[in-house]
Amino acid sequence: MKILLFGELTDITKNSFIEIETVNDIDELNKSIHQKFPSLQNHKYQIAVNSSLITKNISLSETDEIAFLPPFAGG
C-alpha cells in the first residue's frame, strides 16, 4: 500500500510517500507505520482515505488512496 505524507511527516520519514504491506484496516495501518517509523507515535496526524478524514477504524483495500496529514494552521 502506498501512503502519502505531508508537512513535518515527510521530515520524519525522509520521503513524501512510503509503501507498506497490505493491511486490513486503520488499526493495522497505524501499527505497521509505528513499527516502521517509531517516531511517528510522538506526532499528531489525521488519516484520510479516498479524500475523507477518518475518525474510526475502517476496512482498507489495496486501491484506497491513503494520506497522513499533520495538523494545519490557518491564517
N, C-alpha and C. Protein backbone atom coordinates (compact mmCIF):
# COMPACT_ATOMS: atom_id res chain seq x y z
N MET A 1 0.84 -1.17 0.00
CA MET A 1 0.00 0.00 0.00
C MET A 1 0.89 1.24 0.00
N LYS A 2 0.46 2.23 -0.71
CA LYS A 2 1.19 3.49 -0.78
C LYS A 2 0.48 4.51 0.12
N ILE A 3 1.27 5.17 0.96
CA ILE A 3 0.74 6.17 1.88
C ILE A 3 1.41 7.50 1.59
N LEU A 4 0.61 8.51 1.29
CA LEU A 4 1.13 9.85 1.04
C LEU A 4 1.35 10.57 2.36
N LEU A 5 2.44 11.32 2.45
CA LEU A 5 2.78 12.05 3.67
C LEU A 5 2.94 13.53 3.36
N PHE A 6 2.60 14.36 4.34
CA PHE A 6 2.68 15.80 4.14
C PHE A 6 3.32 16.47 5.35
N GLY A 7 3.80 17.69 5.13
CA GLY A 7 4.33 18.52 6.20
C GLY A 7 5.47 17.88 6.95
N GLU A 8 5.45 18.02 8.27
CA GLU A 8 6.53 17.52 9.12
C GLU A 8 6.69 16.01 9.03
N LEU A 9 5.67 15.30 8.59
CA LEU A 9 5.76 13.85 8.48
C LEU A 9 6.77 13.45 7.41
N THR A 10 6.94 14.29 6.40
CA THR A 10 7.96 14.00 5.38
C THR A 10 9.37 14.16 5.94
N ASP A 11 9.52 15.06 6.92
CA ASP A 11 10.82 15.22 7.56
C ASP A 11 11.20 13.97 8.36
N ILE A 12 10.22 13.37 9.00
CA ILE A 12 10.47 12.18 9.82
C ILE A 12 10.83 10.98 8.95
N THR A 13 10.09 10.79 7.86
CA THR A 13 10.28 9.61 7.01
C THR A 13 11.28 9.84 5.89
N LYS A 14 11.65 11.10 5.67
CA LYS A 14 12.57 11.48 4.60
C LYS A 14 12.00 11.18 3.22
N ASN A 15 10.66 11.22 3.12
CA ASN A 15 10.01 10.92 1.85
C ASN A 15 8.59 11.48 1.85
N SER A 16 8.05 11.73 0.67
CA SER A 16 6.68 12.22 0.57
C SER A 16 5.66 11.08 0.47
N PHE A 17 6.15 9.86 0.40
CA PHE A 17 5.28 8.69 0.46
C PHE A 17 6.08 7.50 0.95
N ILE A 18 5.38 6.53 1.50
CA ILE A 18 6.01 5.27 1.90
C ILE A 18 5.12 4.13 1.42
N GLU A 19 5.71 2.98 1.29
CA GLU A 19 4.94 1.80 0.91
C GLU A 19 5.08 0.76 2.01
N ILE A 20 3.96 0.13 2.33
CA ILE A 20 3.94 -0.92 3.34
C ILE A 20 3.18 -2.11 2.77
N GLU A 21 3.28 -3.23 3.48
CA GLU A 21 2.49 -4.40 3.09
C GLU A 21 1.01 -4.07 3.27
N THR A 22 0.17 -4.73 2.52
CA THR A 22 -1.26 -4.51 2.61
C THR A 22 -1.76 -4.84 4.01
N VAL A 23 -2.59 -3.97 4.55
CA VAL A 23 -3.22 -4.18 5.86
C VAL A 23 -4.73 -4.16 5.68
N ASN A 24 -5.42 -4.70 6.67
CA ASN A 24 -6.88 -4.83 6.55
C ASN A 24 -7.67 -3.61 6.99
N ASP A 25 -7.11 -2.84 7.94
CA ASP A 25 -7.87 -1.72 8.47
C ASP A 25 -6.94 -0.64 9.03
N ILE A 26 -7.54 0.44 9.53
CA ILE A 26 -6.78 1.58 10.03
C ILE A 26 -5.92 1.20 11.23
N ASP A 27 -6.45 0.38 12.12
CA ASP A 27 -5.66 -0.03 13.29
C ASP A 27 -4.39 -0.77 12.88
N GLU A 28 -4.51 -1.69 11.93
CA GLU A 28 -3.33 -2.40 11.42
C GLU A 28 -2.39 -1.44 10.71
N LEU A 29 -2.93 -0.48 10.01
CA LEU A 29 -2.12 0.52 9.32
C LEU A 29 -1.27 1.29 10.32
N ASN A 30 -1.89 1.80 11.38
CA ASN A 30 -1.14 2.54 12.39
C ASN A 30 -0.07 1.67 13.04
N LYS A 31 -0.40 0.44 13.35
CA LYS A 31 0.57 -0.46 13.96
C LYS A 31 1.77 -0.68 13.05
N SER A 32 1.50 -0.91 11.78
CA SER A 32 2.57 -1.13 10.81
C SER A 32 3.45 0.10 10.64
N ILE A 33 2.82 1.26 10.54
CA ILE A 33 3.56 2.52 10.37
C ILE A 33 4.42 2.80 11.60
N HIS A 34 3.87 2.59 12.79
CA HIS A 34 4.63 2.86 14.02
C HIS A 34 5.78 1.88 14.20
N GLN A 35 5.66 0.67 13.68
CA GLN A 35 6.77 -0.26 13.74
C GLN A 35 7.89 0.19 12.80
N LYS A 36 7.51 0.69 11.64
CA LYS A 36 8.49 1.12 10.65
C LYS A 36 9.11 2.47 11.01
N PHE A 37 8.30 3.37 11.57
CA PHE A 37 8.73 4.72 11.95
C PHE A 37 8.25 5.02 13.37
N PRO A 38 8.95 4.51 14.39
CA PRO A 38 8.50 4.69 15.78
C PRO A 38 8.32 6.15 16.19
N SER A 39 9.09 7.05 15.61
CA SER A 39 8.98 8.46 16.00
C SER A 39 7.65 9.08 15.59
N LEU A 40 6.92 8.47 14.67
CA LEU A 40 5.61 8.99 14.30
C LEU A 40 4.61 8.90 15.45
N GLN A 41 4.85 8.02 16.40
CA GLN A 41 3.95 7.90 17.55
C GLN A 41 3.91 9.17 18.37
N ASN A 42 4.97 9.97 18.27
CA ASN A 42 5.07 11.21 19.05
C ASN A 42 4.51 12.41 18.31
N HIS A 43 3.93 12.20 17.14
CA HIS A 43 3.41 13.30 16.33
C HIS A 43 1.92 13.10 16.07
N LYS A 44 1.21 14.21 16.05
CA LYS A 44 -0.22 14.15 15.74
C LYS A 44 -0.41 14.19 14.23
N TYR A 45 -1.35 13.40 13.76
CA TYR A 45 -1.71 13.42 12.34
C TYR A 45 -3.09 12.83 12.19
N GLN A 46 -3.73 13.17 11.09
CA GLN A 46 -5.01 12.57 10.74
C GLN A 46 -4.79 11.71 9.52
N ILE A 47 -5.64 10.73 9.37
CA ILE A 47 -5.56 9.85 8.21
C ILE A 47 -6.76 10.14 7.31
N ALA A 48 -6.47 10.29 6.03
CA ALA A 48 -7.52 10.45 5.03
C ALA A 48 -7.50 9.23 4.11
N VAL A 49 -8.66 8.71 3.84
CA VAL A 49 -8.81 7.59 2.91
C VAL A 49 -9.75 8.05 1.81
N ASN A 50 -9.23 8.02 0.59
CA ASN A 50 -10.02 8.47 -0.57
C ASN A 50 -10.59 9.88 -0.34
N SER A 51 -9.72 10.75 0.16
CA SER A 51 -10.02 12.17 0.39
C SER A 51 -11.00 12.46 1.53
N SER A 52 -11.32 11.47 2.35
CA SER A 52 -12.19 11.67 3.51
C SER A 52 -11.41 11.43 4.79
N LEU A 53 -11.50 12.38 5.73
CA LEU A 53 -10.83 12.20 7.01
C LEU A 53 -11.48 11.06 7.79
N ILE A 54 -10.65 10.24 8.39
CA ILE A 54 -11.13 9.05 9.11
C ILE A 54 -11.03 9.30 10.61
N THR A 55 -12.10 9.00 11.34
CA THR A 55 -12.10 9.19 12.79
C THR A 55 -12.29 7.89 13.55
N LYS A 56 -12.44 6.78 12.83
CA LYS A 56 -12.62 5.48 13.48
C LYS A 56 -11.96 4.40 12.62
N ASN A 57 -11.90 3.22 13.14
CA ASN A 57 -11.30 2.11 12.41
C ASN A 57 -12.23 1.70 11.26
N ILE A 58 -11.68 1.66 10.04
CA ILE A 58 -12.44 1.20 8.88
C ILE A 58 -11.60 0.20 8.11
N SER A 59 -12.25 -0.60 7.29
CA SER A 59 -11.55 -1.55 6.43
C SER A 59 -10.86 -0.81 5.29
N LEU A 60 -9.74 -1.35 4.86
CA LEU A 60 -8.98 -0.77 3.75
C LEU A 60 -8.84 -1.78 2.64
N SER A 61 -8.69 -1.27 1.41
CA SER A 61 -8.40 -2.14 0.28
C SER A 61 -7.15 -1.63 -0.41
N GLU A 62 -6.56 -2.46 -1.21
CA GLU A 62 -5.32 -2.13 -1.92
C GLU A 62 -5.46 -0.89 -2.79
N THR A 63 -6.66 -0.61 -3.26
CA THR A 63 -6.86 0.51 -4.19
C THR A 63 -7.16 1.84 -3.48
N ASP A 64 -7.30 1.83 -2.16
CA ASP A 64 -7.58 3.06 -1.43
C ASP A 64 -6.41 4.02 -1.52
N GLU A 65 -6.72 5.32 -1.62
CA GLU A 65 -5.70 6.35 -1.54
C GLU A 65 -5.63 6.80 -0.09
N ILE A 66 -4.46 6.62 0.52
CA ILE A 66 -4.29 6.91 1.95
C ILE A 66 -3.29 8.04 2.10
N ALA A 67 -3.64 8.99 2.98
CA ALA A 67 -2.74 10.11 3.25
C ALA A 67 -2.68 10.37 4.75
N PHE A 68 -1.48 10.68 5.22
CA PHE A 68 -1.28 11.09 6.61
C PHE A 68 -1.09 12.60 6.59
N LEU A 69 -1.93 13.29 7.33
CA LEU A 69 -1.95 14.76 7.32
C LEU A 69 -1.61 15.31 8.71
N PRO A 70 -0.58 16.13 8.80
CA PRO A 70 -0.26 16.75 10.09
C PRO A 70 -1.27 17.86 10.37
N PRO A 71 -1.29 18.38 11.60
CA PRO A 71 -2.19 19.49 11.90
C PRO A 71 -1.87 20.69 10.99
N PHE A 72 -2.89 21.37 10.55
CA PHE A 72 -2.72 22.54 9.69
C PHE A 72 -3.03 23.80 10.49
N ALA A 73 -2.27 24.83 10.24
CA ALA A 73 -2.52 26.13 10.87
C ALA A 73 -3.11 27.06 9.83
N GLY A 74 -4.10 27.80 10.21
CA GLY A 74 -4.73 28.73 9.29
C GLY A 74 -4.27 30.15 9.55
N GLY A 75 -4.55 31.00 8.60
CA GLY A 75 -4.14 32.37 8.80
C GLY A 75 -4.97 33.32 7.99
